[in-house]
N, C-alpha and C. Protein backbone atom coordinates (compact mmCIF):
# COMPACT_ATOMS: atom_id res chain seq x y z
N MET A 1 98.95 76.32 90.09
CA MET A 1 99.30 78.15 89.48
C MET A 1 99.97 78.97 90.96
N ALA A 2 101.51 79.22 90.25
CA ALA A 2 102.23 79.25 91.53
C ALA A 2 101.67 80.61 92.05
N SER A 3 102.38 80.95 93.26
CA SER A 3 102.31 81.91 93.72
C SER A 3 102.72 83.37 93.31
N LEU A 4 102.75 85.00 94.19
CA LEU A 4 102.98 85.55 93.50
C LEU A 4 104.05 86.09 95.15
N GLU A 5 105.85 85.87 93.80
CA GLU A 5 106.90 86.80 95.61
C GLU A 5 106.07 88.20 95.43
N ARG A 6 106.22 87.80 97.61
CA ARG A 6 105.98 89.24 97.59
C ARG A 6 106.82 90.03 97.98
N ILE A 7 107.09 91.33 97.81
CA ILE A 7 108.47 91.94 97.97
C ILE A 7 107.73 93.57 99.10
N ASP A 8 108.61 93.25 100.13
CA ASP A 8 107.13 94.07 100.48
C ASP A 8 108.25 94.73 100.58
N LEU A 9 108.45 96.81 101.03
CA LEU A 9 109.71 97.62 101.22
C LEU A 9 108.53 98.71 101.75
N GLY A 10 109.44 99.88 101.46
CA GLY A 10 108.67 101.17 102.74
C GLY A 10 109.12 102.32 101.59
N GLU A 11 109.23 103.43 102.36
CA GLU A 11 109.14 104.91 101.49
C GLU A 11 109.94 104.76 100.30
N VAL A 12 109.91 105.48 98.54
CA VAL A 12 111.09 104.93 98.12
C VAL A 12 110.31 105.31 97.13
N PRO A 13 111.38 106.24 96.24
CA PRO A 13 111.46 107.16 96.19
C PRO A 13 110.54 107.04 94.44
N TYR A 14 110.08 107.81 93.49
CA TYR A 14 109.06 107.51 92.78
C TYR A 14 110.14 107.43 91.11
N THR A 15 110.96 108.23 90.97
CA THR A 15 111.65 107.47 89.46
C THR A 15 112.71 107.07 90.28
N GLU A 16 113.24 106.17 91.18
CA GLU A 16 114.50 105.31 91.63
C GLU A 16 113.15 104.00 91.79
N ALA A 17 112.42 103.90 91.79
CA ALA A 17 111.02 102.63 91.74
C ALA A 17 110.85 102.56 90.74
N MET A 18 110.88 103.34 89.41
CA MET A 18 110.95 103.41 88.01
C MET A 18 111.88 102.91 87.56
N GLU A 19 113.21 102.77 87.78
CA GLU A 19 114.28 102.23 87.25
C GLU A 19 114.90 100.90 87.68
N GLN A 20 114.14 100.56 88.92
CA GLN A 20 113.91 99.16 89.65
C GLN A 20 112.64 98.15 88.86
N MET A 21 112.04 98.82 88.58
CA MET A 21 110.83 97.69 87.78
C MET A 21 111.20 97.62 87.15
N SER A 22 111.48 98.66 85.92
CA SER A 22 112.24 98.26 83.95
C SER A 22 113.36 97.53 84.31
N ASP A 23 113.33 97.46 85.47
CA ASP A 23 115.26 96.20 85.46
C ASP A 23 114.06 94.77 86.12
N TRP A 24 112.85 95.06 86.36
CA TRP A 24 112.23 93.68 86.89
C TRP A 24 111.60 93.00 85.92
N VAL A 25 110.73 94.18 84.91
CA VAL A 25 110.49 93.95 83.91
C VAL A 25 111.07 92.80 83.03
N ARG A 26 111.99 93.16 83.22
CA ARG A 26 113.36 92.36 81.98
C ARG A 26 113.82 91.08 82.54
N GLN A 27 114.16 91.19 83.40
CA GLN A 27 114.41 90.31 84.33
C GLN A 27 113.74 88.84 83.85
N ARG A 28 111.60 89.15 83.81
CA ARG A 28 110.83 88.28 84.46
C ARG A 28 110.62 88.04 82.77
N GLN A 29 110.36 89.24 81.38
CA GLN A 29 111.06 89.14 80.11
C GLN A 29 112.29 87.37 80.14
N GLU A 30 112.91 87.32 80.84
CA GLU A 30 114.04 86.34 80.48
C GLU A 30 113.93 85.24 81.29
N GLY A 31 113.11 85.31 82.48
CA GLY A 31 112.93 84.11 82.83
C GLY A 31 113.46 84.02 84.17
N LEU A 32 114.54 85.27 84.55
CA LEU A 32 115.17 85.38 85.64
C LEU A 32 115.05 85.45 87.02
N ILE A 33 113.16 85.52 86.70
CA ILE A 33 112.25 85.82 87.78
C ILE A 33 111.51 85.24 88.54
N ARG A 34 111.18 84.95 89.62
CA ARG A 34 109.12 84.26 89.59
C ARG A 34 108.35 86.22 89.30
N ASP A 35 106.82 85.73 88.93
CA ASP A 35 105.39 86.44 88.99
C ASP A 35 106.10 87.19 90.60
N ARG A 36 105.82 88.73 90.39
CA ARG A 36 105.80 88.80 91.89
C ARG A 36 105.01 90.60 92.22
N LEU A 37 105.05 90.79 93.32
CA LEU A 37 103.84 91.98 93.52
C LEU A 37 104.70 92.25 94.36
N VAL A 38 105.25 93.78 94.80
CA VAL A 38 105.93 94.58 95.06
C VAL A 38 105.15 95.84 95.95
N LEU A 39 104.84 95.53 96.55
CA LEU A 39 104.35 96.42 98.42
C LEU A 39 104.77 97.56 98.57
N LEU A 40 104.60 99.25 98.27
CA LEU A 40 105.77 100.55 99.12
C LEU A 40 105.26 101.61 98.77
N SER A 41 105.84 102.39 98.83
CA SER A 41 104.65 103.84 99.17
C SER A 41 105.52 104.88 98.88
N HIS A 42 105.63 106.07 98.02
CA HIS A 42 106.77 106.94 97.48
C HIS A 42 106.38 108.40 98.13
N PRO A 43 107.34 108.82 98.16
CA PRO A 43 107.23 111.02 98.53
C PRO A 43 105.64 111.28 97.26
N ALA A 44 105.58 112.30 97.80
CA ALA A 44 104.39 112.69 97.28
C ALA A 44 105.08 113.33 96.05
N VAL A 45 103.90 112.79 94.73
CA VAL A 45 104.06 113.55 93.43
C VAL A 45 102.93 112.91 92.20
N ILE A 46 102.84 113.47 91.81
CA ILE A 46 101.36 113.74 91.13
C ILE A 46 102.11 112.79 89.08
N THR A 47 101.47 111.62 89.00
CA THR A 47 102.14 111.07 87.41
C THR A 47 100.67 111.24 86.63
N TYR A 48 101.12 111.76 85.15
CA TYR A 48 100.35 111.21 84.15
C TYR A 48 101.08 110.89 83.43
N GLY A 49 99.87 110.39 82.48
CA GLY A 49 100.39 109.57 80.76
C GLY A 49 100.51 110.56 79.58
N VAL A 50 101.23 109.70 78.81
CA VAL A 50 101.48 111.35 77.51
C VAL A 50 100.07 111.27 77.23
N ARG A 51 98.46 110.95 77.25
CA ARG A 51 97.70 111.31 76.81
C ARG A 51 96.90 112.06 77.87
N THR A 52 98.03 112.73 78.70
CA THR A 52 96.76 113.55 79.62
C THR A 52 96.88 114.71 79.85
N PRO A 53 95.68 115.48 79.63
CA PRO A 53 95.86 116.85 79.00
C PRO A 53 96.65 118.74 79.41
N PRO A 54 96.70 118.42 79.46
CA PRO A 54 97.79 120.03 80.47
C PRO A 54 96.93 120.90 81.30
N SER A 55 95.05 120.66 80.57
CA SER A 55 94.54 121.26 81.87
C SER A 55 94.47 120.60 82.51
N ASP A 56 94.52 119.43 82.57
CA ASP A 56 94.18 118.00 83.87
C ASP A 56 95.14 118.34 84.73
N LEU A 57 96.20 118.53 84.72
CA LEU A 57 97.67 118.76 85.88
C LEU A 57 97.72 120.41 86.54
N PRO A 58 98.32 120.47 87.68
CA PRO A 58 97.77 121.35 88.67
C PRO A 58 98.91 122.72 87.95
N VAL A 59 98.42 124.06 88.11
CA VAL A 59 99.35 124.53 87.71
C VAL A 59 99.92 125.84 89.15
N ASN A 60 101.50 125.69 88.90
CA ASN A 60 102.96 125.98 89.77
C ASN A 60 102.27 124.91 90.43
N SER A 61 102.18 124.10 90.69
CA SER A 61 102.66 123.38 91.83
C SER A 61 103.46 122.86 93.25
N THR A 62 104.04 122.27 93.66
CA THR A 62 104.55 122.05 94.48
C THR A 62 105.57 120.59 95.07
N ILE A 63 103.85 119.55 94.70
CA ILE A 63 104.39 118.51 94.32
C ILE A 63 105.40 118.23 92.80
N PRO A 64 105.99 117.71 92.88
CA PRO A 64 106.85 117.16 91.59
C PRO A 64 105.82 116.76 91.00
N LEU A 65 106.03 117.03 88.82
CA LEU A 65 104.87 116.22 88.22
C LEU A 65 105.82 115.65 88.01
N VAL A 66 105.71 113.40 87.35
CA VAL A 66 107.33 112.65 86.95
C VAL A 66 105.78 111.93 85.06
N GLU A 67 106.49 112.11 84.06
CA GLU A 67 105.48 111.48 83.02
C GLU A 67 105.71 110.11 83.24
N VAL A 68 104.72 109.42 82.11
CA VAL A 68 105.04 108.27 82.90
C VAL A 68 104.26 107.21 81.21
N ASP A 69 105.03 105.76 81.62
CA ASP A 69 104.75 105.27 80.53
C ASP A 69 103.31 104.50 80.63
N ARG A 70 102.51 104.27 81.71
CA ARG A 70 101.94 103.16 82.03
C ARG A 70 100.18 103.68 81.13
N GLY A 71 99.14 103.12 81.71
CA GLY A 71 97.84 102.99 81.56
C GLY A 71 97.62 104.24 82.08
N GLY A 72 96.38 105.28 81.66
CA GLY A 72 95.27 105.83 82.55
C GLY A 72 95.55 107.60 82.70
N GLN A 73 94.86 108.17 83.47
CA GLN A 73 95.22 109.89 83.35
C GLN A 73 96.04 110.10 84.59
N ALA A 74 96.04 111.04 84.86
CA ALA A 74 97.10 111.66 86.35
C ALA A 74 96.37 111.30 87.00
N THR A 75 98.05 110.80 88.11
CA THR A 75 96.40 110.23 89.75
C THR A 75 98.46 110.46 90.63
N TYR A 76 98.06 110.62 92.07
CA TYR A 76 99.23 111.41 93.14
C TYR A 76 99.33 109.82 93.34
N HIS A 77 100.46 110.28 94.06
CA HIS A 77 101.00 109.33 94.87
C HIS A 77 101.68 109.71 96.02
N GLY A 78 101.60 109.38 97.38
CA GLY A 78 102.13 110.00 99.04
C GLY A 78 102.29 109.31 99.78
N PRO A 79 103.12 109.96 101.07
CA PRO A 79 102.46 109.48 101.89
C PRO A 79 101.04 109.17 102.78
N GLY A 80 100.92 107.93 103.47
CA GLY A 80 99.17 107.70 103.70
C GLY A 80 99.06 106.48 102.81
N GLN A 81 99.52 105.94 101.74
CA GLN A 81 99.13 105.69 100.11
C GLN A 81 99.80 103.77 100.03
N LEU A 82 99.24 102.94 99.58
CA LEU A 82 99.59 101.91 99.59
C LEU A 82 99.69 101.65 97.91
N VAL A 83 100.59 101.60 97.20
CA VAL A 83 101.03 101.33 95.89
C VAL A 83 101.85 99.51 96.15
N GLY A 84 101.13 99.09 95.04
CA GLY A 84 101.65 98.17 94.70
C GLY A 84 101.77 97.86 92.67
N TYR A 85 103.45 97.34 92.77
CA TYR A 85 103.78 97.14 91.19
C TYR A 85 103.64 95.39 91.09
N LEU A 86 102.55 95.04 89.72
CA LEU A 86 103.07 93.45 89.14
C LEU A 86 103.28 93.64 88.26
N VAL A 87 104.37 92.97 88.48
CA VAL A 87 105.69 92.15 87.46
C VAL A 87 104.66 91.37 86.77
N VAL A 88 103.91 90.62 86.53
CA VAL A 88 103.74 89.20 86.37
C VAL A 88 103.37 89.11 84.35
N ASN A 89 103.75 87.21 84.32
CA ASN A 89 103.97 87.49 82.58
C ASN A 89 102.17 86.30 82.07
N LEU A 90 102.41 87.25 81.64
CA LEU A 90 101.01 87.53 81.33
C LEU A 90 100.33 85.81 80.28
N ARG A 91 101.47 85.56 79.39
CA ARG A 91 101.59 84.15 78.36
C ARG A 91 101.05 83.14 79.51
N GLU A 92 102.11 83.33 80.24
CA GLU A 92 101.89 81.64 81.49
C GLU A 92 100.58 82.02 82.48
N ARG A 93 100.79 82.81 83.45
CA ARG A 93 99.91 82.72 84.37
C ARG A 93 98.65 83.26 84.01
N GLY A 94 97.94 84.27 83.11
CA GLY A 94 96.71 84.90 82.68
C GLY A 94 96.49 85.94 83.31
N PRO A 95 95.49 86.35 84.27
CA PRO A 95 94.34 86.11 82.98
C PRO A 95 94.68 87.39 81.72
N SER A 96 93.52 87.27 80.97
CA SER A 96 93.62 87.95 80.06
C SER A 96 93.31 89.51 80.54
N ASP A 97 92.73 89.53 81.02
CA ASP A 97 91.75 91.15 81.01
C ASP A 97 92.96 91.56 82.84
N VAL A 98 93.79 91.67 82.91
CA VAL A 98 94.59 92.60 84.18
C VAL A 98 93.70 92.85 84.80
N VAL A 99 93.66 94.64 83.88
CA VAL A 99 93.08 95.95 84.84
C VAL A 99 91.78 94.79 85.83
N ARG A 100 90.81 94.14 85.71
CA ARG A 100 89.65 93.41 86.27
C ARG A 100 90.61 92.56 86.80
N TRP A 101 90.83 91.32 86.95
CA TRP A 101 92.08 90.92 87.96
C TRP A 101 92.52 92.14 88.95
N VAL A 102 92.77 92.44 88.50
CA VAL A 102 93.30 93.96 90.22
C VAL A 102 92.14 94.75 90.47
N GLU A 103 90.69 95.11 89.84
CA GLU A 103 90.70 96.05 90.35
C GLU A 103 89.17 94.38 91.14
N ASN A 104 89.55 93.02 90.70
CA ASN A 104 88.46 92.13 91.31
C ASN A 104 89.00 91.90 92.66
N ALA A 105 91.00 91.86 92.83
CA ALA A 105 91.63 91.57 94.08
C ALA A 105 91.59 92.24 95.43
N LEU A 106 91.34 93.39 95.08
CA LEU A 106 91.57 95.14 95.82
C LEU A 106 89.97 94.96 96.54
N ILE A 107 88.43 94.13 96.11
CA ILE A 107 87.51 94.75 96.35
C ILE A 107 87.46 93.70 97.15
N ARG A 108 88.58 92.73 97.49
CA ARG A 108 87.87 91.10 97.71
C ARG A 108 88.61 91.89 99.18
N ALA A 109 89.88 91.96 98.52
CA ALA A 109 90.81 92.41 100.08
C ALA A 109 90.27 93.70 100.91
N LEU A 110 89.62 94.23 99.78
CA LEU A 110 88.62 95.21 101.06
C LEU A 110 87.65 94.42 101.66
N ASP A 111 87.20 93.75 101.72
CA ASP A 111 85.90 93.20 101.69
C ASP A 111 86.03 92.91 102.76
N THR A 112 87.20 91.65 103.06
CA THR A 112 87.74 91.33 104.43
C THR A 112 88.39 92.03 105.57
N LEU A 113 87.98 93.53 104.90
CA LEU A 113 89.17 94.09 106.43
C LEU A 113 87.71 95.32 106.25
N GLY A 114 86.21 94.67 106.02
CA GLY A 114 85.07 95.46 106.91
C GLY A 114 85.18 96.43 105.77
N PHE A 115 84.86 96.66 104.73
CA PHE A 115 85.15 98.11 103.43
C PHE A 115 83.93 97.23 102.50
N PRO A 116 82.73 97.71 102.03
CA PRO A 116 82.44 97.51 101.41
C PRO A 116 83.10 97.98 99.74
N ALA A 117 83.26 97.67 98.59
CA ALA A 117 83.21 98.24 97.23
C ALA A 117 83.19 97.49 96.16
N LEU A 118 82.64 98.52 95.13
CA LEU A 118 83.08 97.37 93.76
C LEU A 118 83.87 98.17 92.81
N ARG A 119 83.72 97.55 91.71
CA ARG A 119 84.17 97.96 90.07
C ARG A 119 82.49 98.86 89.29
N ARG A 120 83.28 99.81 88.69
CA ARG A 120 81.32 99.71 87.49
C ARG A 120 82.59 100.00 86.04
N ASP A 121 81.46 100.27 85.60
CA ASP A 121 81.55 99.76 83.84
C ASP A 121 81.26 101.31 83.07
N THR A 122 81.66 101.44 82.57
CA THR A 122 82.40 102.48 81.87
C THR A 122 81.37 102.84 80.79
N PRO A 123 80.74 103.53 80.89
CA PRO A 123 79.73 103.88 79.90
C PRO A 123 80.04 104.14 78.86
N PRO A 124 79.44 103.52 77.43
CA PRO A 124 80.10 104.37 75.99
C PRO A 124 79.98 105.88 75.96
N GLN A 125 81.28 106.33 75.06
CA GLN A 125 82.00 107.08 75.09
C GLN A 125 82.14 108.59 76.36
N ALA A 126 82.19 107.12 77.27
CA ALA A 126 82.54 107.68 79.00
C ALA A 126 84.08 108.14 79.02
N GLN A 127 84.09 109.16 79.89
CA GLN A 127 85.99 108.50 80.70
C GLN A 127 85.68 107.13 81.31
N SER A 128 87.11 106.74 81.34
CA SER A 128 87.41 105.18 82.00
C SER A 128 87.08 105.20 82.98
N LEU A 129 86.05 104.53 83.48
CA LEU A 129 86.07 104.48 85.47
C LEU A 129 86.69 103.66 85.81
N VAL A 130 87.68 103.00 85.34
CA VAL A 130 88.50 101.69 86.43
C VAL A 130 88.77 102.09 88.07
N GLY A 131 89.15 101.51 88.58
CA GLY A 131 89.70 101.49 89.64
C GLY A 131 88.55 100.70 91.11
N VAL A 132 88.61 100.70 91.67
CA VAL A 132 87.57 100.83 92.54
C VAL A 132 87.20 101.68 93.32
N TRP A 133 85.89 101.74 93.61
CA TRP A 133 84.91 102.65 94.29
C TRP A 133 84.10 101.98 95.67
N THR A 134 83.73 102.96 96.20
CA THR A 134 82.86 103.08 97.41
C THR A 134 81.15 102.03 96.61
N PRO A 135 80.34 101.92 97.69
CA PRO A 135 78.54 102.14 96.10
C PRO A 135 78.41 103.44 96.84
N GLU A 136 78.66 104.60 97.17
CA GLU A 136 78.35 105.90 96.88
C GLU A 136 79.05 106.43 95.94
N HIS A 137 79.95 105.82 94.74
CA HIS A 137 80.60 106.52 93.48
C HIS A 137 81.76 107.09 94.66
N GLU A 138 82.20 107.36 95.55
CA GLU A 138 83.88 107.67 95.53
C GLU A 138 84.64 106.64 95.15
N LYS A 139 86.03 107.35 94.56
CA LYS A 139 87.12 106.22 93.98
C LYS A 139 88.13 106.06 95.14
N VAL A 140 88.42 105.12 96.08
CA VAL A 140 89.45 104.57 96.51
C VAL A 140 91.19 104.23 96.62
N ALA A 141 90.27 103.58 94.53
CA ALA A 141 91.70 102.74 94.18
C ALA A 141 91.71 103.14 93.16
N SER A 142 93.24 103.84 92.66
CA SER A 142 93.39 104.11 91.69
C SER A 142 94.02 102.51 90.47
N ILE A 143 94.56 102.59 89.29
CA ILE A 143 94.71 101.48 88.50
C ILE A 143 95.60 101.92 87.12
N GLY A 144 96.75 101.92 86.99
CA GLY A 144 97.12 101.89 85.91
C GLY A 144 98.46 101.50 85.83
N MET A 145 98.53 99.67 84.45
CA MET A 145 98.85 99.12 83.87
C MET A 145 99.82 99.38 82.73
N ARG A 146 100.76 99.12 82.02
CA ARG A 146 101.09 98.77 81.23
C ARG A 146 101.49 97.17 80.89
N ILE A 147 101.77 96.77 80.11
CA ILE A 147 102.03 95.32 79.12
C ILE A 147 102.97 95.42 78.49
N ARG A 148 104.27 94.57 78.20
CA ARG A 148 105.66 94.46 77.21
C ARG A 148 106.07 93.93 76.86
N ARG A 149 106.23 92.88 75.74
CA ARG A 149 106.31 91.68 75.50
C ARG A 149 105.20 90.02 76.86
N GLY A 150 104.16 90.42 77.57
CA GLY A 150 103.84 90.09 78.19
C GLY A 150 104.00 89.97 79.50
N VAL A 151 104.69 90.98 79.96
CA VAL A 151 104.93 90.78 81.31
C VAL A 151 104.38 92.12 81.70
N THR A 152 103.28 92.42 83.03
CA THR A 152 102.78 93.30 83.20
C THR A 152 103.93 94.21 84.09
N SER A 153 103.61 95.61 84.11
CA SER A 153 104.26 96.69 85.12
C SER A 153 102.90 97.83 85.53
N HIS A 154 103.56 98.88 86.48
CA HIS A 154 102.74 99.66 87.42
C HIS A 154 101.48 98.65 87.99
N GLY A 155 100.72 99.03 88.78
CA GLY A 155 100.15 98.40 89.42
C GLY A 155 98.90 99.46 90.24
N PHE A 156 99.03 99.75 90.92
CA PHE A 156 97.21 100.33 91.83
C PHE A 156 98.36 101.11 93.07
N ALA A 157 97.26 102.85 93.42
CA ALA A 157 97.51 102.92 94.59
C ALA A 157 96.30 103.00 94.68
N LEU A 158 96.07 102.66 96.34
CA LEU A 158 95.04 102.98 97.05
C LEU A 158 95.56 103.62 97.96
N ASN A 159 94.03 104.53 98.63
CA ASN A 159 94.71 105.03 99.90
C ASN A 159 93.76 104.90 100.64
N ILE A 160 94.78 104.72 101.90
CA ILE A 160 94.87 103.87 102.68
C ILE A 160 94.28 105.75 104.40
N GLU A 161 95.70 106.38 104.51
CA GLU A 161 95.50 107.30 105.18
C GLU A 161 95.80 109.41 104.28
N PRO A 162 95.96 109.25 103.08
CA PRO A 162 96.66 109.82 102.46
C PRO A 162 95.58 111.71 102.38
N ASP A 163 96.29 112.73 101.95
CA ASP A 163 95.90 113.66 102.29
C ASP A 163 95.04 114.19 101.05
N LEU A 164 93.63 113.95 101.51
CA LEU A 164 92.85 114.27 100.29
C LEU A 164 92.81 115.42 99.51
N GLU A 165 93.63 116.44 100.21
CA GLU A 165 92.95 117.99 99.71
C GLU A 165 94.06 117.39 98.38
N VAL A 166 95.37 117.15 98.33
CA VAL A 166 95.30 117.12 97.00
C VAL A 166 94.84 117.18 96.34
N TYR A 167 93.25 115.82 95.83
CA TYR A 167 92.58 116.34 94.94
C TYR A 167 92.17 117.05 93.99
N SER A 168 92.46 117.90 95.21
CA SER A 168 91.66 119.60 95.03
C SER A 168 92.45 120.17 93.41
N ALA A 169 93.35 119.83 93.44
CA ALA A 169 94.10 120.38 92.56
C ALA A 169 94.77 120.39 91.65
N PHE A 170 94.70 119.16 90.60
CA PHE A 170 94.54 118.49 89.79
C PHE A 170 93.04 117.48 89.33
N THR A 171 92.71 117.04 87.66
CA THR A 171 92.03 116.86 87.66
C THR A 171 92.05 115.11 88.07
N ALA A 172 91.77 114.52 88.74
CA ALA A 172 92.30 112.64 88.75
C ALA A 172 91.93 111.62 87.74
N CYS A 173 92.66 111.09 86.95
CA CYS A 173 92.21 110.01 86.06
C CYS A 173 91.13 110.19 85.24
N GLY A 174 91.55 111.82 84.18
CA GLY A 174 90.72 112.08 83.72
C GLY A 174 88.87 112.66 84.35
N LEU A 175 88.89 112.40 85.51
CA LEU A 175 87.58 112.87 85.91
C LEU A 175 87.00 113.28 86.18
N PRO A 176 87.00 114.60 85.71
CA PRO A 176 86.91 115.88 86.71
C PRO A 176 85.78 115.62 88.06
N ASP A 177 85.94 116.27 88.64
CA ASP A 177 84.79 116.73 90.26
C ASP A 177 84.97 115.56 91.02
N THR A 178 85.96 113.98 90.54
CA THR A 178 85.29 113.31 90.82
C THR A 178 86.20 112.63 92.83
N PRO A 179 84.95 112.42 93.09
CA PRO A 179 85.10 112.78 95.08
C PRO A 179 86.13 111.02 95.13
N MET A 180 87.24 111.68 95.71
CA MET A 180 88.19 110.48 96.26
C MET A 180 87.74 110.30 97.75
N THR A 181 88.42 109.23 98.03
CA THR A 181 88.37 109.10 99.35
C THR A 181 88.91 107.76 100.02
N SER A 182 89.56 107.79 101.36
CA SER A 182 90.30 106.47 101.69
C SER A 182 89.77 105.64 102.42
N LEU A 183 90.92 104.54 103.17
CA LEU A 183 90.11 103.99 104.25
C LEU A 183 89.71 104.55 105.20
N ALA A 184 90.50 105.63 105.52
CA ALA A 184 90.54 106.48 106.34
C ALA A 184 88.79 107.28 106.99
N ARG A 185 88.54 107.71 105.53
CA ARG A 185 87.64 108.43 105.66
C ARG A 185 86.20 107.56 105.81
N MET A 186 86.22 106.33 104.77
CA MET A 186 85.07 105.44 105.12
C MET A 186 85.35 104.49 106.86
N ALA A 187 87.07 104.39 107.48
CA ALA A 187 86.78 104.26 108.42
C ALA A 187 85.92 105.03 109.92
N ALA A 188 85.78 106.14 109.18
CA ALA A 188 85.55 106.93 110.91
C ALA A 188 83.42 107.47 110.00
N ALA A 189 83.33 107.11 109.31
CA ALA A 189 81.81 107.12 108.99
C ALA A 189 81.35 105.89 108.93
N ARG A 190 82.39 105.25 109.49
CA ARG A 190 81.36 103.49 109.99
C ARG A 190 81.31 103.45 112.12
N GLY A 191 82.70 104.99 112.23
CA GLY A 191 82.56 104.04 113.60
C GLY A 191 84.17 104.08 114.09
N ARG A 192 84.85 103.14 113.20
CA ARG A 192 85.92 102.20 113.53
C ARG A 192 87.52 102.62 113.44
N ALA A 193 88.00 101.74 113.97
CA ALA A 193 89.55 102.45 113.34
C ALA A 193 90.36 102.18 112.52
N VAL A 194 90.95 102.59 111.67
CA VAL A 194 92.00 102.70 110.05
C VAL A 194 92.33 101.09 110.54
N PRO A 195 91.73 100.73 109.41
CA PRO A 195 93.47 99.38 109.47
C PRO A 195 94.85 99.30 109.48
N GLY A 196 95.35 98.96 110.32
CA GLY A 196 97.00 99.67 110.29
C GLY A 196 97.63 98.75 108.92
N GLU A 197 98.45 99.23 108.34
CA GLU A 197 99.20 99.35 107.04
C GLU A 197 99.76 97.88 106.73
N ASP A 198 99.95 97.37 107.65
CA ASP A 198 100.59 95.71 107.81
C ASP A 198 99.33 94.76 107.12
N GLU A 199 98.08 95.08 108.00
CA GLU A 199 97.06 94.57 108.40
C GLU A 199 96.75 94.75 106.55
N VAL A 200 96.27 96.18 105.60
CA VAL A 200 96.18 96.29 104.51
C VAL A 200 96.83 95.80 103.38
N ARG A 201 97.99 95.57 103.61
CA ARG A 201 99.35 94.86 102.57
C ARG A 201 98.94 93.31 102.44
N ALA A 202 98.85 92.95 104.05
CA ALA A 202 98.43 91.42 103.74
C ALA A 202 96.83 90.79 103.62
N ALA A 203 96.41 91.49 103.40
CA ALA A 203 95.19 91.50 102.72
C ALA A 203 95.27 91.71 101.22
N VAL A 204 96.27 92.39 100.57
CA VAL A 204 95.77 92.51 98.94
C VAL A 204 96.72 91.64 99.02
N ALA A 205 98.18 90.88 98.90
CA ALA A 205 98.57 90.60 98.76
C ALA A 205 98.29 89.28 98.31
N SER A 206 97.62 88.41 100.52
CA SER A 206 96.66 87.63 99.42
C SER A 206 95.18 87.14 98.15
N ALA A 207 94.62 88.45 98.58
CA ALA A 207 93.35 88.32 97.58
C ALA A 207 94.45 88.84 96.33
N LEU A 208 95.25 88.91 96.35
CA LEU A 208 96.20 89.01 94.53
C LEU A 208 95.73 87.17 94.47
N ASP A 209 96.61 86.96 95.43
CA ASP A 209 97.21 85.44 95.05
C ASP A 209 96.17 84.74 95.00
N ALA A 210 94.75 84.63 95.23
CA ALA A 210 93.48 83.92 95.21
C ALA A 210 93.10 83.37 93.79
N ASP A 211 93.92 83.77 92.76
CA ASP A 211 93.10 83.89 90.94
C ASP A 211 94.65 83.25 90.84
């Protein structure tokens, strides 16, 4: 199986990144580019889907709110996060469950960095528990994907060292009172240093390429 083309960017405004991703999806659908993983960060923004209840969103937010076309509910992107966008042709590559693939890859990446993590099954008639969690059920990574004509877009946001206070202003991922955490907080609890962003990027890219 061909490896993902890894593209490393710095901080890119969210709307600008969405325009680029739309173009990448079109190119992948037309067979003009390979499957790719784009790693980047965004200035502070809260994004939400069309099914997000207005009550989940912050009131009088100083952070821009942007409606998006991915799955999932409201989430935060900002400095101190690693965001990954996947533009992958599932008809050629698989797997059929792309969200499970991303969850498992991020769990492997965190394991190589020395942080235990897990995925959680959603109980019947409960809000989705998609994402990556600590053993204490604190959420460290959020995932929201879309598939158009067999090609994925959007991806994940992994908290390395963001301002976690932001999450107190809105309902993240449709889960009231969900405790959000970061690698920085997990490292502090273990009395160790926070891994650098380059190290995290490498671990994530390697794990996603393992399948």
